[in-house]
Amino acid sequence: MANCCRSLCKLIFSSLLFILNVVDCLAGIVLLVYGFYLYSTLKIDSSDPKLQWTFASSMSLGILLTLASCFSFIGISADSCRCALSVSAWLTIPVALTELVLAIVFSLCKDEVFDLLDEEKEKLHLTQEAFETFQMWYQVVVWVLFGLFMCEVVRFHVSKNLRDAINLDIDEYYRLLDKEQEEEQARMLEQRLLLDQKYSELRDEYRNKYNSSYQQHKTA
């Protein structure tokens, strides 16, 4: 019963972690695309430091999310690479903190960034449609960051529980293996003792027969 419950928990944790990995991977790709959009549309290399910081943070977080999800995918699918699951679990801590900080900073700097772009639309050759698109996606990114922060908290606990369950199975496997080896050694020892006892009895029997024959021959 305990093994069934543990197997069910592992299945639930693995499925939930797979979903979180897909979400993080997609979010990482979205952030990378958003960063490239900022770079190509707003000419980040010659823009205000605030826009450069927005571009750099989006690209960095996108790379981190993609790496974390890839490590987690590897840890789930490959038995020989379970360490990747641990790396992914601990990587979620700085990623979650980064997401929370960026979400707060993006929210606080929203009006300043929008005002800056509105003032420099002509300099940046930014159309009104592109400006409105940027505003819309900026808001989406902020809410996505808050949502990803919660996902990373859940991911850390799920990864930790899944890793503990896997380690428990591995420990139990080695305990069973040790037990089987001990039982095999005990059987071999018992067989050897029985064999020694059998040979000892045969030896005593032949010795008695020899002594009896010798005594009869001596008497005759």
N, C-alpha and C. Protein backbone atom coordinates (compact mmCIF):
# COMPACT_ATOMS: atom_id res chain seq x y z
N MET A 1 0.83 -1.21 0.00
CA MET A 1 0.00 0.00 0.00
C MET A 1 0.87 1.26 0.00
N ALA A 2 1.92 1.23 0.83
CA ALA A 2 2.81 2.39 0.91
C ALA A 2 3.52 2.63 -0.42
N ASN A 3 3.94 1.52 -1.08
CA ASN A 3 4.60 1.65 -2.37
C ASN A 3 3.66 2.22 -3.42
N CYS A 4 2.40 1.82 -3.38
CA CYS A 4 1.41 2.35 -4.33
C CYS A 4 1.20 3.85 -4.14
N CYS A 5 1.09 4.27 -2.88
CA CYS A 5 0.91 5.70 -2.58
C CYS A 5 2.12 6.51 -3.03
N ARG A 6 3.33 5.95 -2.77
CA ARG A 6 4.53 6.66 -3.17
C ARG A 6 4.64 6.74 -4.69
N SER A 7 4.27 5.68 -5.38
CA SER A 7 4.30 5.70 -6.84
C SER A 7 3.30 6.71 -7.40
N LEU A 8 2.11 6.78 -6.76
CA LEU A 8 1.10 7.75 -7.20
C LEU A 8 1.60 9.17 -6.97
N CYS A 9 2.22 9.42 -5.82
CA CYS A 9 2.77 10.76 -5.54
C CYS A 9 3.85 11.13 -6.55
N LYS A 10 4.71 10.17 -6.87
CA LYS A 10 5.75 10.43 -7.87
C LYS A 10 5.15 10.78 -9.22
N LEU A 11 4.09 10.07 -9.59
CA LEU A 11 3.43 10.36 -10.86
C LEU A 11 2.82 11.75 -10.86
N ILE A 12 2.18 12.13 -9.75
CA ILE A 12 1.58 13.47 -9.65
C ILE A 12 2.66 14.54 -9.70
N PHE A 13 3.73 14.35 -8.91
CA PHE A 13 4.82 15.33 -8.89
C PHE A 13 5.47 15.45 -10.26
N SER A 14 5.69 14.32 -10.93
CA SER A 14 6.33 14.35 -12.25
C SER A 14 5.44 15.07 -13.26
N SER A 15 4.14 14.80 -13.22
CA SER A 15 3.21 15.45 -14.15
C SER A 15 3.14 16.96 -13.90
N LEU A 16 3.04 17.33 -12.61
CA LEU A 16 2.98 18.76 -12.28
C LEU A 16 4.27 19.46 -12.65
N LEU A 17 5.40 18.80 -12.40
CA LEU A 17 6.68 19.41 -12.75
C LEU A 17 6.83 19.54 -14.26
N PHE A 18 6.31 18.57 -14.99
CA PHE A 18 6.35 18.66 -16.45
C PHE A 18 5.56 19.87 -16.94
N ILE A 19 4.38 20.09 -16.36
CA ILE A 19 3.56 21.25 -16.74
C ILE A 19 4.30 22.55 -16.41
N LEU A 20 4.90 22.62 -15.22
CA LEU A 20 5.65 23.82 -14.83
C LEU A 20 6.84 24.04 -15.76
N ASN A 21 7.48 22.95 -16.17
CA ASN A 21 8.60 23.08 -17.10
C ASN A 21 8.15 23.67 -18.43
N VAL A 22 7.00 23.20 -18.91
CA VAL A 22 6.47 23.73 -20.17
C VAL A 22 6.16 25.22 -20.03
N VAL A 23 5.54 25.59 -18.90
CA VAL A 23 5.21 27.00 -18.65
C VAL A 23 6.47 27.84 -18.60
N ASP A 24 7.48 27.37 -17.86
CA ASP A 24 8.73 28.13 -17.74
C ASP A 24 9.45 28.24 -19.07
N CYS A 25 9.45 27.14 -19.82
CA CYS A 25 10.12 27.16 -21.12
C CYS A 25 9.44 28.14 -22.07
N LEU A 26 8.11 28.12 -22.10
CA LEU A 26 7.38 29.06 -22.96
C LEU A 26 7.60 30.50 -22.50
N ALA A 27 7.59 30.70 -21.17
CA ALA A 27 7.81 32.05 -20.64
C ALA A 27 9.22 32.53 -20.97
N GLY A 28 10.19 31.63 -20.88
CA GLY A 28 11.56 32.00 -21.24
C GLY A 28 11.67 32.39 -22.70
N ILE A 29 10.99 31.65 -23.56
CA ILE A 29 11.01 31.98 -24.99
C ILE A 29 10.33 33.33 -25.24
N VAL A 30 9.20 33.57 -24.54
CA VAL A 30 8.50 34.85 -24.69
C VAL A 30 9.39 36.01 -24.26
N LEU A 31 10.10 35.84 -23.14
CA LEU A 31 10.99 36.91 -22.67
C LEU A 31 12.15 37.13 -23.64
N LEU A 32 12.67 36.06 -24.22
CA LEU A 32 13.74 36.21 -25.20
C LEU A 32 13.23 36.94 -26.44
N VAL A 33 12.04 36.57 -26.90
CA VAL A 33 11.46 37.25 -28.06
C VAL A 33 11.19 38.72 -27.73
N TYR A 34 10.71 38.98 -26.51
CA TYR A 34 10.45 40.35 -26.08
C TYR A 34 11.75 41.15 -26.05
N GLY A 35 12.82 40.51 -25.57
CA GLY A 35 14.11 41.20 -25.55
C GLY A 35 14.61 41.52 -26.95
N PHE A 36 14.48 40.56 -27.87
CA PHE A 36 14.89 40.81 -29.25
C PHE A 36 14.01 41.89 -29.88
N TYR A 37 12.73 41.91 -29.50
CA TYR A 37 11.83 42.95 -30.01
C TYR A 37 12.29 44.33 -29.55
N LEU A 38 12.65 44.42 -28.27
CA LEU A 38 13.15 45.70 -27.76
C LEU A 38 14.41 46.12 -28.50
N TYR A 39 15.29 45.16 -28.71
CA TYR A 39 16.57 45.48 -29.35
C TYR A 39 16.39 45.92 -30.80
N SER A 40 15.52 45.21 -31.52
CA SER A 40 15.37 45.50 -32.95
C SER A 40 14.47 46.71 -33.21
N THR A 41 13.43 46.87 -32.40
CA THR A 41 12.45 47.94 -32.65
C THR A 41 12.88 49.26 -32.04
N LEU A 42 13.41 49.20 -30.81
CA LEU A 42 13.71 50.44 -30.09
C LEU A 42 15.18 50.84 -30.16
N LYS A 43 15.99 50.06 -30.88
CA LYS A 43 17.41 50.38 -31.01
C LYS A 43 18.05 50.57 -29.63
N ILE A 44 18.03 49.50 -28.87
CA ILE A 44 18.47 49.55 -27.48
C ILE A 44 19.91 50.02 -27.34
N ASP A 45 20.75 49.73 -28.33
CA ASP A 45 22.17 50.06 -28.21
C ASP A 45 22.41 51.56 -28.10
N SER A 46 21.44 52.37 -28.54
CA SER A 46 21.62 53.82 -28.47
C SER A 46 20.52 54.49 -27.66
N SER A 47 19.80 53.72 -26.86
CA SER A 47 18.65 54.26 -26.13
C SER A 47 19.03 54.60 -24.70
N ASP A 48 18.01 54.99 -23.95
CA ASP A 48 18.15 55.34 -22.55
C ASP A 48 18.57 54.11 -21.72
N PRO A 49 19.35 54.32 -20.64
CA PRO A 49 19.77 53.19 -19.79
C PRO A 49 18.60 52.38 -19.25
N LYS A 50 17.45 53.01 -19.01
CA LYS A 50 16.29 52.27 -18.50
C LYS A 50 15.85 51.21 -19.51
N LEU A 51 15.84 51.58 -20.80
CA LEU A 51 15.47 50.62 -21.82
C LEU A 51 16.53 49.53 -21.97
N GLN A 52 17.79 49.93 -21.84
CA GLN A 52 18.86 48.93 -21.90
C GLN A 52 18.74 47.94 -20.75
N TRP A 53 18.40 48.46 -19.57
CA TRP A 53 18.23 47.58 -18.40
C TRP A 53 17.04 46.65 -18.60
N THR A 54 15.96 47.18 -19.18
CA THR A 54 14.79 46.35 -19.46
C THR A 54 15.14 45.23 -20.44
N PHE A 55 15.89 45.58 -21.48
CA PHE A 55 16.32 44.57 -22.46
C PHE A 55 17.21 43.51 -21.82
N ALA A 56 18.21 43.95 -21.05
CA ALA A 56 19.15 43.00 -20.44
C ALA A 56 18.46 42.08 -19.45
N SER A 57 17.55 42.63 -18.63
CA SER A 57 16.87 41.80 -17.64
C SER A 57 15.93 40.80 -18.31
N SER A 58 15.25 41.21 -19.37
CA SER A 58 14.36 40.28 -20.08
C SER A 58 15.14 39.14 -20.71
N MET A 59 16.26 39.47 -21.34
CA MET A 59 17.08 38.43 -21.97
C MET A 59 17.68 37.49 -20.93
N SER A 60 18.20 38.06 -19.84
CA SER A 60 18.84 37.23 -18.81
C SER A 60 17.84 36.28 -18.17
N LEU A 61 16.67 36.81 -17.81
CA LEU A 61 15.65 35.96 -17.18
C LEU A 61 15.13 34.91 -18.16
N GLY A 62 15.01 35.28 -19.42
CA GLY A 62 14.57 34.30 -20.42
C GLY A 62 15.55 33.15 -20.55
N ILE A 63 16.85 33.46 -20.52
CA ILE A 63 17.87 32.41 -20.59
C ILE A 63 17.82 31.53 -19.35
N LEU A 64 17.69 32.15 -18.16
CA LEU A 64 17.64 31.38 -16.92
C LEU A 64 16.44 30.44 -16.88
N LEU A 65 15.28 30.94 -17.29
CA LEU A 65 14.07 30.11 -17.29
C LEU A 65 14.21 28.93 -18.26
N THR A 66 14.77 29.21 -19.42
CA THR A 66 14.95 28.13 -20.40
C THR A 66 15.92 27.08 -19.89
N LEU A 67 17.02 27.52 -19.27
CA LEU A 67 17.99 26.57 -18.72
C LEU A 67 17.38 25.75 -17.59
N ALA A 68 16.66 26.42 -16.68
CA ALA A 68 16.05 25.71 -15.55
C ALA A 68 15.07 24.64 -16.02
N SER A 69 14.25 24.98 -17.00
CA SER A 69 13.29 24.00 -17.51
C SER A 69 13.99 22.86 -18.23
N CYS A 70 15.07 23.15 -18.96
CA CYS A 70 15.82 22.09 -19.65
C CYS A 70 16.46 21.14 -18.64
N PHE A 71 17.07 21.69 -17.58
CA PHE A 71 17.66 20.84 -16.54
C PHE A 71 16.60 19.95 -15.91
N SER A 72 15.44 20.53 -15.66
CA SER A 72 14.37 19.76 -15.03
C SER A 72 13.86 18.66 -15.96
N PHE A 73 13.71 18.97 -17.25
CA PHE A 73 13.31 17.95 -18.23
C PHE A 73 14.30 16.79 -18.24
N ILE A 74 15.59 17.12 -18.23
CA ILE A 74 16.63 16.08 -18.24
C ILE A 74 16.56 15.25 -16.97
N GLY A 75 16.39 15.93 -15.82
CA GLY A 75 16.33 15.21 -14.55
C GLY A 75 15.15 14.26 -14.44
N ILE A 76 14.02 14.64 -15.05
CA ILE A 76 12.83 13.78 -15.01
C ILE A 76 12.98 12.58 -15.94
N SER A 77 13.50 12.83 -17.14
CA SER A 77 13.50 11.79 -18.17
C SER A 77 14.68 10.84 -18.10
N ALA A 78 15.83 11.28 -17.58
CA ALA A 78 17.05 10.45 -17.58
C ALA A 78 17.39 10.01 -16.16
N ASP A 79 17.38 8.69 -15.93
CA ASP A 79 17.71 8.16 -14.61
C ASP A 79 19.15 8.44 -14.23
N SER A 80 20.03 8.51 -15.23
CA SER A 80 21.45 8.72 -14.95
C SER A 80 21.79 10.18 -14.72
N CYS A 81 20.82 11.07 -14.87
CA CYS A 81 21.07 12.52 -14.72
C CYS A 81 20.13 13.12 -13.69
N ARG A 82 19.91 12.41 -12.58
CA ARG A 82 19.03 12.93 -11.54
C ARG A 82 19.59 14.19 -10.89
N CYS A 83 20.91 14.38 -10.98
CA CYS A 83 21.51 15.59 -10.40
C CYS A 83 20.98 16.84 -11.09
N ALA A 84 20.57 16.71 -12.36
CA ALA A 84 20.01 17.86 -13.07
C ALA A 84 18.73 18.34 -12.40
N LEU A 85 18.00 17.42 -11.79
CA LEU A 85 16.77 17.79 -11.07
C LEU A 85 17.10 18.65 -9.86
N SER A 86 18.18 18.31 -9.16
CA SER A 86 18.62 19.11 -8.01
C SER A 86 19.09 20.49 -8.45
N VAL A 87 19.85 20.51 -9.56
CA VAL A 87 20.32 21.81 -10.08
C VAL A 87 19.14 22.70 -10.43
N SER A 88 18.14 22.11 -11.09
CA SER A 88 16.95 22.88 -11.46
C SER A 88 16.20 23.37 -10.23
N ALA A 89 16.11 22.52 -9.20
CA ALA A 89 15.37 22.90 -7.99
C ALA A 89 16.02 24.09 -7.30
N TRP A 90 17.35 24.03 -7.14
CA TRP A 90 18.03 25.13 -6.44
C TRP A 90 18.17 26.36 -7.33
N LEU A 91 18.14 26.16 -8.65
CA LEU A 91 18.19 27.30 -9.55
C LEU A 91 16.92 28.13 -9.49
N THR A 92 15.82 27.51 -9.05
CA THR A 92 14.56 28.24 -8.97
C THR A 92 14.57 29.34 -7.91
N ILE A 93 15.44 29.21 -6.90
CA ILE A 93 15.47 30.23 -5.84
C ILE A 93 15.94 31.58 -6.39
N PRO A 94 17.15 31.67 -7.01
CA PRO A 94 17.52 32.97 -7.58
C PRO A 94 16.61 33.41 -8.72
N VAL A 95 16.09 32.45 -9.48
CA VAL A 95 15.18 32.80 -10.57
C VAL A 95 13.90 33.43 -10.01
N ALA A 96 13.34 32.83 -8.95
CA ALA A 96 12.11 33.36 -8.35
C ALA A 96 12.34 34.75 -7.77
N LEU A 97 13.46 34.93 -7.08
CA LEU A 97 13.76 36.25 -6.52
C LEU A 97 13.95 37.28 -7.63
N THR A 98 14.62 36.88 -8.71
CA THR A 98 14.81 37.79 -9.84
C THR A 98 13.48 38.18 -10.46
N GLU A 99 12.60 37.19 -10.61
CA GLU A 99 11.27 37.47 -11.19
C GLU A 99 10.49 38.44 -10.32
N LEU A 100 10.53 38.23 -9.01
CA LEU A 100 9.79 39.12 -8.11
C LEU A 100 10.35 40.54 -8.16
N VAL A 101 11.67 40.66 -8.13
CA VAL A 101 12.30 41.99 -8.17
C VAL A 101 11.98 42.69 -9.49
N LEU A 102 12.11 41.96 -10.59
CA LEU A 102 11.84 42.56 -11.90
C LEU A 102 10.37 42.96 -12.04
N ALA A 103 9.47 42.13 -11.53
CA ALA A 103 8.05 42.47 -11.61
C ALA A 103 7.75 43.75 -10.85
N ILE A 104 8.34 43.89 -9.67
CA ILE A 104 8.12 45.10 -8.87
C ILE A 104 8.74 46.32 -9.54
N VAL A 105 9.98 46.16 -10.02
CA VAL A 105 10.67 47.29 -10.66
C VAL A 105 9.96 47.70 -11.95
N PHE A 106 9.56 46.71 -12.75
CA PHE A 106 8.84 47.03 -13.99
C PHE A 106 7.54 47.77 -13.69
N SER A 107 6.86 47.36 -12.62
CA SER A 107 5.60 48.03 -12.26
C SER A 107 5.85 49.47 -11.82
N LEU A 108 6.90 49.67 -11.01
CA LEU A 108 7.20 51.01 -10.51
C LEU A 108 7.71 51.94 -11.60
N CYS A 109 8.45 51.38 -12.57
CA CYS A 109 9.05 52.21 -13.62
C CYS A 109 8.19 52.29 -14.88
N LYS A 110 7.00 51.73 -14.82
CA LYS A 110 6.16 51.67 -16.01
C LYS A 110 5.90 53.05 -16.60
N ASP A 111 5.44 53.98 -15.78
CA ASP A 111 5.09 55.31 -16.29
C ASP A 111 6.32 56.03 -16.83
N GLU A 112 7.46 55.87 -16.16
CA GLU A 112 8.68 56.53 -16.63
C GLU A 112 9.10 55.99 -17.99
N VAL A 113 9.02 54.68 -18.15
CA VAL A 113 9.41 54.07 -19.43
C VAL A 113 8.45 54.51 -20.53
N PHE A 114 7.16 54.51 -20.24
CA PHE A 114 6.18 54.93 -21.25
C PHE A 114 6.37 56.40 -21.62
N ASP A 115 6.60 57.26 -20.63
CA ASP A 115 6.81 58.68 -20.91
C ASP A 115 8.07 58.88 -21.74
N LEU A 116 9.11 58.11 -21.42
CA LEU A 116 10.36 58.23 -22.16
C LEU A 116 10.17 57.84 -23.63
N LEU A 117 9.47 56.75 -23.84
CA LEU A 117 9.23 56.32 -25.22
C LEU A 117 8.32 57.29 -25.97
N ASP A 118 7.34 57.83 -25.26
CA ASP A 118 6.42 58.78 -25.89
C ASP A 118 7.17 60.04 -26.32
N GLU A 119 8.13 60.46 -25.50
CA GLU A 119 8.90 61.67 -25.82
C GLU A 119 9.88 61.44 -26.97
N GLU A 120 10.39 60.23 -27.06
CA GLU A 120 11.44 59.95 -28.05
C GLU A 120 10.94 59.06 -29.19
N LYS A 121 9.64 59.10 -29.44
CA LYS A 121 9.10 58.27 -30.52
C LYS A 121 9.71 58.64 -31.87
N GLU A 122 9.83 59.92 -32.13
CA GLU A 122 10.38 60.34 -33.41
C GLU A 122 11.86 59.98 -33.52
N LYS A 123 12.59 60.17 -32.43
CA LYS A 123 14.02 59.85 -32.43
C LYS A 123 14.25 58.36 -32.65
N LEU A 124 13.37 57.55 -32.07
CA LEU A 124 13.50 56.10 -32.20
C LEU A 124 12.77 55.55 -33.41
N HIS A 125 12.13 56.45 -34.18
CA HIS A 125 11.34 56.04 -35.35
C HIS A 125 10.28 55.01 -34.95
N LEU A 126 9.59 55.33 -33.84
CA LEU A 126 8.60 54.43 -33.27
C LEU A 126 7.21 54.92 -33.64
N THR A 127 6.44 54.10 -34.32
CA THR A 127 5.08 54.48 -34.69
C THR A 127 4.16 54.36 -33.48
N GLN A 128 2.98 54.99 -33.59
CA GLN A 128 2.01 54.92 -32.50
C GLN A 128 1.54 53.48 -32.29
N GLU A 129 1.39 52.75 -33.38
CA GLU A 129 0.97 51.35 -33.26
C GLU A 129 2.02 50.52 -32.52
N ALA A 130 3.30 50.75 -32.86
CA ALA A 130 4.37 50.02 -32.18
C ALA A 130 4.45 50.42 -30.71
N PHE A 131 4.19 51.70 -30.42
CA PHE A 131 4.21 52.16 -29.04
C PHE A 131 3.10 51.50 -28.23
N GLU A 132 1.90 51.42 -28.80
CA GLU A 132 0.79 50.77 -28.11
C GLU A 132 1.05 49.27 -27.94
N THR A 133 1.68 48.66 -28.94
CA THR A 133 2.04 47.24 -28.82
C THR A 133 3.02 47.03 -27.68
N PHE A 134 4.00 47.93 -27.59
CA PHE A 134 4.97 47.85 -26.49
C PHE A 134 4.28 47.98 -25.14
N GLN A 135 3.34 48.94 -25.02
CA GLN A 135 2.62 49.12 -23.76
C GLN A 135 1.85 47.86 -23.38
N MET A 136 1.18 47.26 -24.36
CA MET A 136 0.40 46.06 -24.08
C MET A 136 1.30 44.92 -23.60
N TRP A 137 2.38 44.68 -24.33
CA TRP A 137 3.27 43.58 -23.96
C TRP A 137 4.03 43.86 -22.67
N TYR A 138 4.27 45.12 -22.39
CA TYR A 138 4.92 45.48 -21.13
C TYR A 138 4.06 45.04 -19.96
N GLN A 139 2.76 45.32 -20.04
CA GLN A 139 1.84 44.91 -18.98
C GLN A 139 1.77 43.39 -18.88
N VAL A 140 1.74 42.73 -20.04
CA VAL A 140 1.70 41.26 -20.04
C VAL A 140 2.93 40.69 -19.36
N VAL A 141 4.09 41.26 -19.67
CA VAL A 141 5.34 40.77 -19.07
C VAL A 141 5.32 40.94 -17.56
N VAL A 142 4.80 42.07 -17.08
CA VAL A 142 4.74 42.30 -15.63
C VAL A 142 3.89 41.23 -14.95
N TRP A 143 2.71 40.97 -15.48
CA TRP A 143 1.84 39.95 -14.87
C TRP A 143 2.43 38.55 -15.02
N VAL A 144 3.08 38.31 -16.14
CA VAL A 144 3.73 37.01 -16.33
C VAL A 144 4.83 36.81 -15.29
N LEU A 145 5.56 37.87 -14.98
CA LEU A 145 6.63 37.76 -13.99
C LEU A 145 6.08 37.43 -12.61
N PHE A 146 4.98 38.08 -12.23
CA PHE A 146 4.35 37.75 -10.94
C PHE A 146 3.86 36.30 -10.94
N GLY A 147 3.25 35.88 -12.05
CA GLY A 147 2.79 34.50 -12.13
C GLY A 147 3.93 33.50 -12.10
N LEU A 148 5.03 33.83 -12.78
CA LEU A 148 6.19 32.94 -12.79
C LEU A 148 6.82 32.83 -11.41
N PHE A 149 6.77 33.90 -10.65
CA PHE A 149 7.30 33.83 -9.28
C PHE A 149 6.56 32.78 -8.48
N MET A 150 5.24 32.77 -8.58
CA MET A 150 4.45 31.75 -7.88
C MET A 150 4.76 30.36 -8.42
N CYS A 151 4.93 30.26 -9.74
CA CYS A 151 5.25 28.95 -10.33
C CYS A 151 6.60 28.44 -9.84
N GLU A 152 7.56 29.33 -9.67
CA GLU A 152 8.88 28.90 -9.21
C GLU A 152 8.83 28.41 -7.76
N VAL A 153 7.99 29.05 -6.95
CA VAL A 153 7.83 28.59 -5.56
C VAL A 153 7.26 27.17 -5.56
N VAL A 154 6.23 26.96 -6.39
CA VAL A 154 5.64 25.62 -6.49
C VAL A 154 6.65 24.63 -7.06
N ARG A 155 7.40 25.06 -8.07
CA ARG A 155 8.39 24.19 -8.70
C ARG A 155 9.45 23.72 -7.70
N PHE A 156 9.89 24.62 -6.84
CA PHE A 156 10.92 24.25 -5.86
C PHE A 156 10.42 23.14 -4.95
N HIS A 157 9.20 23.30 -4.43
CA HIS A 157 8.66 22.29 -3.52
C HIS A 157 8.39 20.97 -4.26
N VAL A 158 7.85 21.06 -5.47
CA VAL A 158 7.58 19.84 -6.24
C VAL A 158 8.88 19.11 -6.58
N SER A 159 9.88 19.86 -7.03
CA SER A 159 11.17 19.25 -7.37
C SER A 159 11.81 18.60 -6.16
N LYS A 160 11.73 19.28 -5.02
CA LYS A 160 12.32 18.74 -3.80
C LYS A 160 11.60 17.45 -3.38
N ASN A 161 10.27 17.47 -3.42
CA ASN A 161 9.51 16.27 -3.03
C ASN A 161 9.75 15.12 -4.01
N LEU A 162 9.82 15.43 -5.29
CA LEU A 162 10.09 14.39 -6.28
C LEU A 162 11.48 13.81 -6.10
N ARG A 163 12.45 14.68 -5.85
CA ARG A 163 13.82 14.20 -5.63
C ARG A 163 13.90 13.33 -4.39
N ASP A 164 13.21 13.73 -3.33
CA ASP A 164 13.20 12.92 -2.09
C ASP A 164 12.55 11.56 -2.34
N ALA A 165 11.46 11.55 -3.13
CA ALA A 165 10.79 10.28 -3.42
C ALA A 165 11.68 9.36 -4.25
N ILE A 166 12.39 9.94 -5.21
CA ILE A 166 13.31 9.14 -6.03
C ILE A 166 14.45 8.60 -5.18
N ASN A 167 15.01 9.46 -4.32
CA ASN A 167 16.09 9.01 -3.45
C ASN A 167 15.62 7.93 -2.49
N LEU A 168 14.36 8.05 -2.03
CA LEU A 168 13.81 7.02 -1.14
C LEU A 168 13.69 5.69 -1.87
N ASP A 169 13.26 5.74 -3.12
CA ASP A 169 13.18 4.51 -3.92
C ASP A 169 14.56 3.90 -4.13
N ILE A 170 15.54 4.76 -4.39
CA ILE A 170 16.91 4.27 -4.59
C ILE A 170 17.44 3.64 -3.31
N ASP A 171 17.21 4.30 -2.17
CA ASP A 171 17.66 3.75 -0.88
C ASP A 171 16.97 2.41 -0.60
N GLU A 172 15.67 2.36 -0.89
CA GLU A 172 14.95 1.11 -0.67
C GLU A 172 15.46 0.01 -1.58
N TYR A 173 15.80 0.37 -2.81
CA TYR A 173 16.35 -0.62 -3.74
C TYR A 173 17.66 -1.19 -3.22
N TYR A 174 18.53 -0.30 -2.74
CA TYR A 174 19.81 -0.78 -2.21
C TYR A 174 19.63 -1.58 -0.93
N ARG A 175 18.64 -1.21 -0.12
CA ARG A 175 18.37 -1.99 1.09
C ARG A 175 17.89 -3.40 0.71
N LEU A 176 17.00 -3.47 -0.27
CA LEU A 176 16.54 -4.79 -0.73
C LEU A 176 17.67 -5.59 -1.33
N LEU A 177 18.55 -4.90 -2.07
CA LEU A 177 19.70 -5.58 -2.66
C LEU A 177 20.63 -6.12 -1.58
N ASP A 178 20.89 -5.32 -0.56
CA ASP A 178 21.72 -5.77 0.55
C ASP A 178 21.07 -6.94 1.29
N LYS A 179 19.75 -6.84 1.46
CA LYS A 179 19.03 -7.92 2.15
C LYS A 179 19.11 -9.22 1.35
N GLU A 180 18.95 -9.12 0.02
CA GLU A 180 19.05 -10.31 -0.81
C GLU A 180 20.46 -10.91 -0.75
N GLN A 181 21.46 -10.04 -0.73
CA GLN A 181 22.83 -10.53 -0.63
C GLN A 181 23.08 -11.22 0.71
N GLU A 182 22.55 -10.63 1.77
CA GLU A 182 22.70 -11.25 3.09
C GLU A 182 21.98 -12.60 3.14
N GLU A 183 20.77 -12.66 2.57
CA GLU A 183 20.04 -13.93 2.54
C GLU A 183 20.77 -14.97 1.70
N GLU A 184 21.35 -14.54 0.58
CA GLU A 184 22.10 -15.47 -0.26
C GLU A 184 23.33 -15.99 0.47
N GLN A 185 24.02 -15.10 1.17
CA GLN A 185 25.18 -15.53 1.95
C GLN A 185 24.78 -16.48 3.06
N ALA A 186 23.62 -16.21 3.69
CA ALA A 186 23.13 -17.10 4.75
C ALA A 186 22.79 -18.48 4.18
N ARG A 187 22.16 -18.50 2.99
CA ARG A 187 21.84 -19.79 2.35
C ARG A 187 23.10 -20.56 1.99
N MET A 188 24.08 -19.83 1.45
CA MET A 188 25.34 -20.49 1.09
C MET A 188 26.04 -21.04 2.33
N LEU A 189 26.02 -20.28 3.43
CA LEU A 189 26.64 -20.75 4.66
C LEU A 189 25.91 -21.98 5.20
N GLU A 190 24.57 -21.94 5.13
CA GLU A 190 23.79 -23.08 5.61
C GLU A 190 24.06 -24.32 4.77
N GLN A 191 24.14 -24.15 3.44
CA GLN A 191 24.44 -25.28 2.57
C GLN A 191 25.84 -25.83 2.84
N ARG A 192 26.79 -24.92 3.08
CA ARG A 192 28.14 -25.37 3.37
C ARG A 192 28.20 -26.14 4.68
N LEU A 193 27.46 -25.66 5.68
CA LEU A 193 27.43 -26.36 6.96
C LEU A 193 26.78 -27.73 6.82
N LEU A 194 25.68 -27.79 6.04
CA LEU A 194 25.03 -29.08 5.82
C LEU A 194 25.95 -30.04 5.07
N LEU A 195 26.66 -29.49 4.09
CA LEU A 195 27.59 -30.33 3.33
C LEU A 195 28.73 -30.83 4.22
N ASP A 196 29.26 -29.94 5.06
CA ASP A 196 30.32 -30.34 5.99
C ASP A 196 29.81 -31.41 6.95
N GLN A 197 28.57 -31.21 7.42
CA GLN A 197 28.00 -32.20 8.34
C GLN A 197 27.82 -33.55 7.65
N LYS A 198 27.39 -33.51 6.38
CA LYS A 198 27.20 -34.76 5.63
C LYS A 198 28.53 -35.48 5.43
N TYR A 199 29.55 -34.72 5.05
CA TYR A 199 30.87 -35.33 4.87
C TYR A 199 31.42 -35.85 6.19
N SER A 200 31.14 -35.13 7.26
CA SER A 200 31.60 -35.58 8.58
C SER A 200 30.93 -36.89 8.97
N GLU A 201 29.62 -36.98 8.70
CA GLU A 201 28.90 -38.21 9.02
C GLU A 201 29.41 -39.38 8.17
N LEU A 202 29.66 -39.12 6.87
CA LEU A 202 30.19 -40.17 6.01
C LEU A 202 31.58 -40.60 6.46
N ARG A 203 32.38 -39.61 6.83
CA ARG A 203 33.72 -39.93 7.31
C ARG A 203 33.67 -40.77 8.56
N ASP A 204 32.78 -40.42 9.49
CA ASP A 204 32.64 -41.21 10.73
C ASP A 204 32.13 -42.61 10.42
N GLU A 205 31.20 -42.69 9.45
CA GLU A 205 30.65 -44.00 9.09
C GLU A 205 31.73 -44.90 8.51
N TYR A 206 32.53 -44.37 7.59
CA TYR A 206 33.60 -45.18 7.00
C TYR A 206 34.68 -45.51 8.02
N ARG A 207 34.92 -44.58 8.92
CA ARG A 207 35.91 -44.85 9.96
C ARG A 207 35.44 -45.99 10.86
N ASN A 208 34.16 -45.94 11.21
CA ASN A 208 33.61 -47.01 12.06
C ASN A 208 33.65 -48.36 11.34
N LYS A 209 33.31 -48.33 10.04
CA LYS A 209 33.38 -49.58 9.28
C LYS A 209 34.80 -50.11 9.20
N TYR A 210 35.73 -49.23 8.99
CA TYR A 210 37.13 -49.64 8.90
C TYR A 210 37.61 -50.21 10.23
N ASN A 211 37.26 -49.52 11.32
CA ASN A 211 37.67 -49.99 12.64
C ASN A 211 37.04 -51.35 12.94
N SER A 212 35.77 -51.52 12.54
CA SER A 212 35.09 -52.79 12.80
C SER A 212 35.75 -53.92 12.00
N SER A 213 36.08 -53.65 10.75
CA SER A 213 36.73 -54.67 9.92
C SER A 213 38.12 -54.99 10.44
N TYR A 214 38.79 -53.98 10.90
CA TYR A 214 40.14 -54.19 11.43
C TYR A 214 40.10 -55.03 12.70
N GLN A 215 39.12 -54.75 13.56
CA GLN A 215 39.00 -55.51 14.80
C GLN A 215 38.66 -56.97 14.49
N GLN A 216 37.78 -57.19 13.52
CA GLN A 216 37.42 -58.56 13.15
C GLN A 216 38.62 -59.30 12.57
N HIS A 217 39.38 -58.62 11.73
CA HIS A 217 40.55 -59.25 11.14
C HIS A 217 41.60 -59.55 12.20
N LYS A 218 41.74 -58.67 13.15
CA LYS A 218 42.72 -58.86 14.21
C LYS A 218 42.31 -60.02 15.10
N THR A 219 41.02 -60.15 15.38
CA THR A 219 40.52 -61.23 16.24
C THR A 219 40.71 -62.58 15.55
N ALA A 220 40.46 -62.60 14.23
CA ALA A 220 40.62 -63.84 13.47
C ALA A 220 42.10 -64.22 13.40
